[in-house]
C-alpha atoms as a PDB file:
ATOM      1  CA  UNK A   1     177.566 181.429  53.383  1.00  0.00           C
ATOM      2  CA  UNK A   2     174.018 180.385  54.118  1.00  0.00           C
ATOM      3  CA  UNK A   3     172.277 177.513  52.191  1.00  0.00           C
ATOM      4  CA  UNK A   4     170.124 179.860  50.132  1.00  0.00           C
ATOM      5  CA  UNK A   5     173.254 181.932  49.009  1.00  0.00           C
ATOM      6  CA  UNK A   6     175.000 178.626  48.109  1.00  0.00           C
ATOM      7  CA  UNK A   7     172.147 177.377  46.040  1.00  0.00           C
ATOM      8  CA  UNK A   8     171.957 180.842  44.261  1.00  0.00           C
ATOM      9  CA  UNK A   9     175.596 180.621  43.433  1.00  0.00           C
ATOM     10  CA  UNK A  10     175.383 177.078  42.125  1.00  0.00           C
ATOM     11  CA  UNK A  11     172.431 178.064  39.918  1.00  0.00           C
ATOM     12  CA  UNK A  12     174.375 181.057  38.660  1.00  0.00           C
ATOM     13  CA  UNK A  13     177.385 178.778  37.776  1.00  0.00           C
ATOM     14  CA  UNK A  14     175.153 176.302  35.976  1.00  0.00           C
ATOM     15  CA  UNK A  15     173.643 179.076  33.874  1.00  0.00           C
ATOM     16  CA  UNK A  16     177.050 180.511  33.195  1.00  0.00           C
ATOM     17  CA  UNK A  17     178.180 177.275  31.672  1.00  0.00           C
ATOM     18  CA  UNK A  18     175.485 177.389  28.947  1.00  0.00           C
ATOM     19  CA  UNK A  19     176.897 179.741  26.262  1.00  0.00           C
ATOM     20  CA  UNK A  20     173.563 180.224  24.507  1.00  0.00           C
ATOM     21  CA  UNK A  21     172.245 181.986  27.583  1.00  0.00           C
ATOM     22  CA  UNK A  22     175.036 184.617  27.982  1.00  0.00           C
ATOM     23  CA  UNK A  23     174.160 185.895  31.456  1.00  0.00           C
ATOM     24  CA  UNK A  24     176.777 188.579  31.260  1.00  0.00           C
ATOM     25  CA  UNK A  25     174.954 190.318  28.356  1.00  0.00           C
ATOM     26  CA  UNK A  26     171.533 189.231  29.521  1.00  0.00           C
ATOM     27  CA  UNK A  27     171.590 189.083  33.312  1.00  0.00           C
ATOM     28  CA  UNK A  28     169.257 186.755  35.221  1.00  0.00           C
ATOM     29  CA  UNK A  29     168.128 187.600  38.753  1.00  0.00           C
ATOM     30  CA  UNK A  30     168.158 184.433  40.820  1.00  0.00           C
ATOM     31  CA  UNK A  31     166.504 183.879  44.216  1.00  0.00           C
ATOM     32  CA  UNK A  32     165.311 180.918  46.061  1.00  0.00           C
ATOM     33  CA  UNK A  33     163.202 179.780  49.121  1.00  0.00           C
ATOM     34  CA  UNK A  34     162.585 176.297  50.370  1.00  0.00           C
ATOM     35  CA  UNK A  35     164.365 174.795  47.349  1.00  0.00           C
ATOM     36  CA  UNK A  36     162.205 176.641  44.739  1.00  0.00           C
ATOM     37  CA  UNK A  37     164.309 178.899  42.493  1.00  0.00           C
ATOM     38  CA  UNK A  38     162.950 182.075  40.875  1.00  0.00           C
ATOM     39  CA  UNK A  39     164.485 183.170  37.549  1.00  0.00           C
ATOM     40  CA  UNK A  40     163.809 186.699  36.326  1.00  0.00           C
ATOM     41  CA  UNK A  41     165.271 188.664  33.388  1.00  0.00           C
ATOM     42  CA  UNK A  42     165.172 189.273  29.621  1.00  0.00           C
ATOM     43  CA  UNK A  43     167.013 186.858  27.374  1.00  0.00           C
ATOM     44  CA  UNK A  44     167.980 186.975  23.703  1.00  0.00           C
ATOM     45  CA  UNK A  45     165.555 184.422  22.191  1.00  0.00           C
ATOM     46  CA  UNK A  46     163.272 181.521  23.023  1.00  0.00           C
ATOM     47  CA  UNK A  47     166.137 179.056  22.920  1.00  0.00           C
ATOM     48  CA  UNK A  48     167.993 180.853  25.579  1.00  0.00           C
ATOM     49  CA  UNK A  49     164.808 181.013  27.716  1.00  0.00           C
ATOM     50  CA  UNK A  50     164.158 177.356  27.558  1.00  0.00           C
ATOM     51  CA  UNK A  51     167.825 176.332  27.890  1.00  0.00           C
ATOM     52  CA  UNK A  52     167.982 178.240  31.192  1.00  0.00           C
ATOM     53  CA  UNK A  53     165.455 176.011  32.872  1.00  0.00           C
ATOM     54  CA  UNK A  54     167.135 172.575  32.830  1.00  0.00           C
ATOM     55  CA  UNK A  55     170.631 173.735  34.212  1.00  0.00           C
ATOM     56  CA  UNK A  56     168.793 175.502  37.101  1.00  0.00           C
ATOM     57  CA  UNK A  57     166.687 172.518  37.895  1.00  0.00           C
ATOM     58  CA  UNK A  58     169.627 170.187  37.799  1.00  0.00           C
ATOM     59  CA  UNK A  59     171.353 171.867  40.805  1.00  0.00           C
ATOM     60  CA  UNK A  60     171.150 169.762  43.927  1.00  0.00           C
ATOM     61  CA  UNK A  61     168.523 170.698  46.418  1.00  0.00           C
ATOM     62  CA  UNK A  62     166.467 172.498  43.734  1.00  0.00           C
ATOM     63  CA  UNK A  63     162.859 171.149  44.054  1.00  0.00           C
ATOM     64  CA  UNK A  64     161.165 173.548  41.614  1.00  0.00           C
ATOM     65  CA  UNK A  65     161.621 176.498  39.180  1.00  0.00           C
ATOM     66  CA  UNK A  66     159.438 179.603  38.873  1.00  0.00           C
ATOM     67  CA  UNK A  67     159.992 180.832  35.339  1.00  0.00           C
ATOM     68  CA  UNK A  68     159.667 184.653  34.985  1.00  0.00           C
ATOM     69  CA  UNK A  69     162.144 184.819  32.125  1.00  0.00           C
ATOM     70  CA  UNK A  70     161.172 186.909  29.193  1.00  0.00           C
ATOM     71  CA  UNK A  71     162.531 187.322  25.606  1.00  0.00           C
ATOM     72  CA  UNK A  72     163.714 190.695  24.309  1.00  0.00           C
ATOM     73  CA  UNK A  73     161.169 191.909  21.876  1.00  0.00           C
ATOM     74  CA  UNK A  74     162.418 192.657  18.343  1.00  0.00           C
ATOM     75  CA  UNK A  75     160.412 195.881  18.500  1.00  0.00           C
ATOM     76  CA  UNK A  76     158.465 197.493  21.375  1.00  0.00           C
ATOM     77  CA  UNK A  77     154.764 197.422  20.690  1.00  0.00           C
ATOM     78  CA  UNK A  78     151.690 197.955  22.783  1.00  0.00           C
ATOM     79  CA  UNK A  79     149.671 194.917  23.946  1.00  0.00           C
ATOM     80  CA  UNK A  80     146.838 195.851  21.634  1.00  0.00           C
ATOM     81  CA  UNK A  81     149.124 195.820  18.704  1.00  0.00           C
ATOM     82  CA  UNK A  82     150.589 192.460  19.618  1.00  0.00           C
ATOM     83  CA  UNK A  83     147.157 191.033  20.247  1.00  0.00           C
ATOM     84  CA  UNK A  84     145.964 192.313  16.729  1.00  0.00           C
ATOM     85  CA  UNK A  85     148.886 190.938  15.012  1.00  0.00           C
ATOM     86  CA  UNK A  86     148.573 187.438  16.438  1.00  0.00           C
ATOM     87  CA  UNK A  87     144.736 187.538  15.698  1.00  0.00           C
ATOM     88  CA  UNK A  88     145.590 188.233  12.048  1.00  0.00           C
ATOM     89  CA  UNK A  89     148.045 185.338  11.959  1.00  0.00           C
ATOM     90  CA  UNK A  90     145.488 182.933  13.389  1.00  0.00           C
ATOM     91  CA  UNK A  91     142.657 184.224  11.121  1.00  0.00           C
ATOM     92  CA  UNK A  92     144.831 183.922   8.032  1.00  0.00           C
ATOM     93  CA  UNK A  93     146.190 180.549   8.779  1.00  0.00           C
ATOM     94  CA  UNK A  94     144.530 177.635   6.935  1.00  0.00           C
ATOM     95  CA  UNK A  95     145.045 175.338   9.973  1.00  0.00           C
ATOM     96  CA  UNK A  96     142.646 177.446  12.074  1.00  0.00           C
ATOM     97  CA  UNK A  97     140.058 178.409   9.388  1.00  0.00           C
ATOM     98  CA  UNK A  98     137.403 176.247  11.276  1.00  0.00           C
ATOM     99  CA  UNK A  99     138.328 177.606  14.675  1.00  0.00           C
ATOM    100  CA  UNK A 100     136.543 180.225  16.660  1.00  0.00           C
ATOM    101  CA  UNK A 101     139.007 183.123  17.460  1.00  0.00           C
ATOM    102  CA  UNK A 102     138.356 185.477  20.437  1.00  0.00           C
ATOM    103  CA  UNK A 103     140.285 188.509  21.733  1.00  0.00           C
ATOM    104  CA  UNK A 104     140.208 189.170  25.511  1.00  0.00           C
ATOM    105  CA  UNK A 105     140.649 192.819  26.461  1.00  0.00           C
ATOM    106  CA  UNK A 106     139.989 194.512  29.772  1.00  0.00           C
ATOM    107  CA  UNK A 107     137.510 191.767  30.959  1.00  0.00           C
ATOM    108  CA  UNK A 108     135.721 191.895  27.559  1.00  0.00           C
ATOM    109  CA  UNK A 109     135.619 189.176  24.971  1.00  0.00           C
ATOM    110  CA  UNK A 110     135.497 190.178  21.283  1.00  0.00           C
ATOM    111  CA  UNK A 111     134.583 187.418  18.865  1.00  0.00           C
ATOM    112  CA  UNK A 112     136.699 187.727  15.851  1.00  0.00           C
ATOM    113  CA  UNK A 113     135.293 184.688  14.019  1.00  0.00           C
ATOM    114  CA  UNK A 114     132.810 182.092  14.937  1.00  0.00           C
ATOM    115  CA  UNK A 115     133.011 178.501  13.799  1.00  0.00           C
ATOM    116  CA  UNK A 116     129.821 176.759  14.749  1.00  0.00           C
ATOM    117  CA  UNK A 117     131.137 173.238  14.121  1.00  0.00           C
ATOM    118  CA  UNK A 118     134.767 174.152  14.314  1.00  0.00           C
ATOM    119  CA  UNK A 119     137.874 172.407  15.521  1.00  0.00           C
ATOM    120  CA  UNK A 120     138.507 174.660  18.495  1.00  0.00           C
ATOM    121  CA  UNK A 121     138.028 177.895  20.291  1.00  0.00           C
ATOM    122  CA  UNK A 122     141.059 180.065  20.875  1.00  0.00           C
ATOM    123  CA  UNK A 123     141.130 183.223  23.176  1.00  0.00           C
ATOM    124  CA  UNK A 124     144.070 185.585  22.889  1.00  0.00           C
ATOM    125  CA  UNK A 125     145.149 187.982  25.652  1.00  0.00           C
ATOM    126  CA  UNK A 126     148.226 190.081  26.080  1.00  0.00           C
ATOM    127  CA  UNK A 127     149.601 191.758  29.120  1.00  0.00           C
ATOM    128  CA  UNK A 128     153.046 193.521  29.215  1.00  0.00           C
ATOM    129  CA  UNK A 129     153.987 191.757  25.974  1.00  0.00           C
ATOM    130  CA  UNK A 130     153.200 188.303  27.400  1.00  0.00           C
ATOM    131  CA  UNK A 131     150.735 186.391  25.154  1.00  0.00           C
ATOM    132  CA  UNK A 132     148.304 184.002  26.754  1.00  0.00           C
ATOM    133  CA  UNK A 133     146.493 181.413  24.696  1.00  0.00           C
ATOM    134  CA  UNK A 134     143.415 179.789  26.322  1.00  0.00           C
ATOM    135  CA  UNK A 135     140.538 177.612  25.083  1.00  0.00           C
ATOM    136  CA  UNK A 136     140.848 174.332  23.222  1.00  0.00           C
ATOM    137  CA  UNK A 137     141.919 172.771  19.901  1.00  0.00           C
ATOM    138  CA  UNK A 138     141.460 169.390  18.315  1.00  0.00           C
ATOM    139  CA  UNK A 139     145.088 168.220  18.392  1.00  0.00           C
ATOM    140  CA  UNK A 140     148.528 168.687  19.900  1.00  0.00           C
ATOM    141  CA  UNK A 141     149.664 169.878  16.502  1.00  0.00           C
ATOM    142  CA  UNK A 142     147.094 172.651  16.406  1.00  0.00           C
ATOM    143  CA  UNK A 143     148.239 173.557  19.946  1.00  0.00           C
ATOM    144  CA  UNK A 144     151.836 173.653  19.026  1.00  0.00           C
ATOM    145  CA  UNK A 145     151.272 175.548  15.745  1.00  0.00           C
ATOM    146  CA  UNK A 146     149.224 178.276  17.584  1.00  0.00           C
ATOM    147  CA  UNK A 147     152.014 178.635  20.067  1.00  0.00           C
ATOM    148  CA  UNK A 148     154.597 179.089  17.272  1.00  0.00           C
ATOM    149  CA  UNK A 149     152.431 181.732  15.672  1.00  0.00           C
ATOM    150  CA  UNK A 150     152.368 183.558  19.082  1.00  0.00           C
ATOM    151  CA  UNK A 151     156.190 183.402  19.259  1.00  0.00           C
ATOM    152  CA  UNK A 152     156.426 184.784  15.683  1.00  0.00           C
ATOM    153  CA  UNK A 153     154.257 187.810  16.721  1.00  0.00           C
ATOM    154  CA  UNK A 154     156.290 190.986  16.752  1.00  0.00           C
ATOM    155  CA  UNK A 155     156.539 192.654  20.109  1.00  0.00           C
ATOM    156  CA  UNK A 156     155.916 189.436  22.200  1.00  0.00           C
ATOM    157  CA  UNK A 157     158.041 188.873  25.308  1.00  0.00           C
ATOM    158  CA  UNK A 158     156.684 185.524  26.305  1.00  0.00           C
ATOM    159  CA  UNK A 159     154.072 182.865  25.338  1.00  0.00           C
ATOM    160  CA  UNK A 160     151.899 181.060  27.806  1.00  0.00           C
ATOM    161  CA  UNK A 161     150.228 178.263  25.883  1.00  0.00           C
ATOM    162  CA  UNK A 162     147.343 176.981  28.061  1.00  0.00           C
ATOM    163  CA  UNK A 163     145.343 175.595  25.179  1.00  0.00           C
ATOM    164  CA  UNK A 164     143.663 172.278  26.044  1.00  0.00           C
ATOM    165  CA  UNK A 165     143.399 169.472  23.514  1.00  0.00           C
ATOM    166  CA  UNK A 166     139.910 168.009  23.193  1.00  0.00           C
ATOM    167  CA  UNK A 167     139.628 165.053  23.176  1.00  0.00           C
ATOM    168  CA  UNK A 168     142.918 164.597  24.979  1.00  0.00           C
ATOM    169  CA  UNK A 169     145.289 161.846  23.822  1.00  0.00           C
ATOM    170  CA  UNK A 170     148.915 160.729  24.352  1.00  0.00           C
ATOM    171  CA  UNK A 171     151.503 162.843  22.725  1.00  0.00           C
ATOM    172  CA  UNK A 172     153.707 161.325  20.116  1.00  0.00           C
ATOM    173  CA  UNK A 173     157.141 162.060  18.621  1.00  0.00           C
ATOM    174  CA  UNK A 174     155.787 161.550  15.084  1.00  0.00           C
ATOM    175  CA  UNK A 175     153.259 164.214  15.626  1.00  0.00           C
ATOM    176  CA  UNK A 176     155.948 166.647  16.817  1.00  0.00           C
ATOM    177  CA  UNK A 177     157.917 165.778  13.695  1.00  0.00           C
ATOM    178  CA  UNK A 178     154.856 166.465  11.423  1.00  0.00           C
ATOM    179  CA  UNK A 179     154.101 169.865  12.989  1.00  0.00           C
ATOM    180  CA  UNK A 180     157.817 170.804  12.753  1.00  0.00           C
ATOM    181  CA  UNK A 181     157.588 170.178   8.989  1.00  0.00           C
ATOM    182  CA  UNK A 182     154.484 172.374   8.945  1.00  0.00           C
ATOM    183  CA  UNK A 183     156.150 175.112  10.909  1.00  0.00           C
ATOM    184  CA  UNK A 184     159.216 175.130   8.634  1.00  0.00           C
ATOM    185  CA  UNK A 185     156.943 175.295   5.576  1.00  0.00           C
ATOM    186  CA  UNK A 186     155.008 178.245   7.060  1.00  0.00           C
ATOM    187  CA  UNK A 187     158.176 180.162   7.936  1.00  0.00           C
ATOM    188  CA  UNK A 188     159.077 182.351   4.906  1.00  0.00           C
ATOM    189  CA  UNK A 189     162.577 182.956   6.343  1.00  0.00           C
ATOM    190  CA  UNK A 190     163.649 179.376   5.817  1.00  0.00           C
ATOM    191  CA  UNK A 191     163.717 176.917   2.949  1.00  0.00           C
ATOM    192  CA  UNK A 192     161.796 173.849   4.290  1.00  0.00           C
ATOM    193  CA  UNK A 193     162.706 171.617   1.380  1.00  0.00           C
ATOM    194  CA  UNK A 194     166.271 171.601   2.538  1.00  0.00           C
ATOM    195  CA  UNK A 195     165.592 170.632   6.160  1.00  0.00           C
ATOM    196  CA  UNK A 196     164.831 167.153   7.570  1.00  0.00           C
ATOM    197  CA  UNK A 197     163.265 167.309  11.067  1.00  0.00           C
ATOM    198  CA  UNK A 198     162.943 164.343  13.374  1.00  0.00           C
ATOM    199  CA  UNK A 199     161.812 163.938  16.981  1.00  0.00           C
ATOM    200  CA  UNK A 200     162.763 161.291  19.526  1.00  0.00           C
ATOM    201  CA  UNK A 201     161.592 161.430  23.124  1.00  0.00           C
ATOM    202  CA  UNK A 202     160.846 165.188  22.815  1.00  0.00           C
ATOM    203  CA  UNK A 203     164.225 165.964  21.260  1.00  0.00           C
ATOM    204  CA  UNK A 204     164.061 167.643  17.712  1.00  0.00           C
ATOM    205  CA  UNK A 205     166.844 166.928  15.333  1.00  0.00           C
ATOM    206  CA  UNK A 206     167.496 169.084  12.320  1.00  0.00           C
ATOM    207  CA  UNK A 207     169.381 167.733   9.362  1.00  0.00           C
ATOM    208  CA  UNK A 208     170.126 169.044   5.898  1.00  0.00           C
ATOM    209  CA  UNK A 209     171.732 171.994   4.181  1.00  0.00           C
ATOM    210  CA  UNK A 210     170.748 175.739   4.373  1.00  0.00           C
ATOM    211  CA  UNK A 211     172.359 178.691   2.499  1.00  0.00           C
ATOM    212  CA  UNK A 212     172.988 180.942   5.437  1.00  0.00           C
ATOM    213  CA  UNK A 213     173.829 180.790   9.152  1.00  0.00           C
ATOM    214  CA  UNK A 214     170.707 182.931   9.770  1.00  0.00           C
ATOM    215  CA  UNK A 215     168.452 180.235   8.232  1.00  0.00           C
ATOM    216  CA  UNK A 216     170.155 177.619  10.390  1.00  0.00           C
ATOM    217  CA  UNK A 217     169.578 179.732  13.558  1.00  0.00           C
ATOM    218  CA  UNK A 218     165.938 180.498  12.485  1.00  0.00           C
ATOM    219  CA  UNK A 219     165.086 176.790  12.023  1.00  0.00           C
ATOM    220  CA  UNK A 220     166.397 176.081  15.475  1.00  0.00           C
ATOM    221  CA  UNK A 221     164.386 178.771  17.131  1.00  0.00           C
ATOM    222  CA  UNK A 222     161.262 177.396  15.299  1.00  0.00           C
ATOM    223  CA  UNK A 223     161.948 174.101  17.000  1.00  0.00           C
ATOM    224  CA  UNK A 224     162.458 175.573  20.461  1.00  0.00           C
ATOM    225  CA  UNK A 225     159.189 177.448  19.915  1.00  0.00           C
ATOM    226  CA  UNK A 226     157.292 174.164  19.887  1.00  0.00           C
ATOM    227  CA  UNK A 227     155.478 173.257  23.082  1.00  0.00           C
ATOM    228  CA  UNK A 228     156.929 170.291  24.873  1.00  0.00           C
ATOM    229  CA  UNK A 229     160.224 170.106  23.091  1.00  0.00           C
ATOM    230  CA  UNK A 230     162.997 169.448  25.574  1.00  0.00           C
ATOM    231  CA  UNK A 231     166.091 169.892  23.390  1.00  0.00           C
ATOM    232  CA  UNK A 232     167.126 170.812  19.888  1.00  0.00           C
ATOM    233  CA  UNK A 233     170.001 169.232  18.082  1.00  0.00           C
ATOM    234  CA  UNK A 234     170.927 171.452  15.135  1.00  0.00           C
ATOM    235  CA  UNK A 235     172.975 169.553  12.578  1.00  0.00           C
ATOM    236  CA  UNK A 236     172.217 171.795   9.680  1.00  0.00           C
ATOM    237  CA  UNK A 237     175.132 172.597   7.361  1.00  0.00           C
ATOM    238  CA  UNK A 238     175.645 176.067   5.853  1.00  0.00           C
ATOM    239  CA  UNK A 239     176.422 175.650   2.147  1.00  0.00           C
ATOM    240  CA  UNK A 240     177.181 179.269   1.250  1.00  0.00           C
END
């Protein structure tokens, strides 16, 4: 067996050990060259997508990961419909009311709202279900919340959050905790009052009680959707 085949087998074994990925139901194509591993496939949710990256990167000899993993869309929708849905979420969100919102289509920019003295400028584009956010916002929290709205958009297969923060500043765990609270409050499918989030070194911990297993799962997916989160520890108890 040549070294490339050996590395591919080791990466496959590492992914197989992570039960949340389930590579038998959601196969991942693995290839590598010069120590750089390419992962391709469709996974169940954002948690599985992000959980696949660390085990692959931890294999000896792997020097980099090319992430072409996508998430199975809850419903198949055209790129225009995905883009319009996200635009509505951003336009209706109080957090972005002073932000210019643009939609990029076929080399054309449509300005959906102009904020002359606003807190940012966000451009939305969608290709093959992959949402890309570009432009700038005033804080890491705004960047993260925009990314979560993108993950909530029906029909999306992946989110590329390329928003810059101006002025830039050092990221902090307490800010991740604050935006996690905001996300939970904005998610109509969970009861935020029953959940206590906290973040330490990029790891989000969820404590509290929720009435259903689906709310427990949904809260964890909300945490994984936050940009920069490296791990989620879900200690929520189901009371029903």
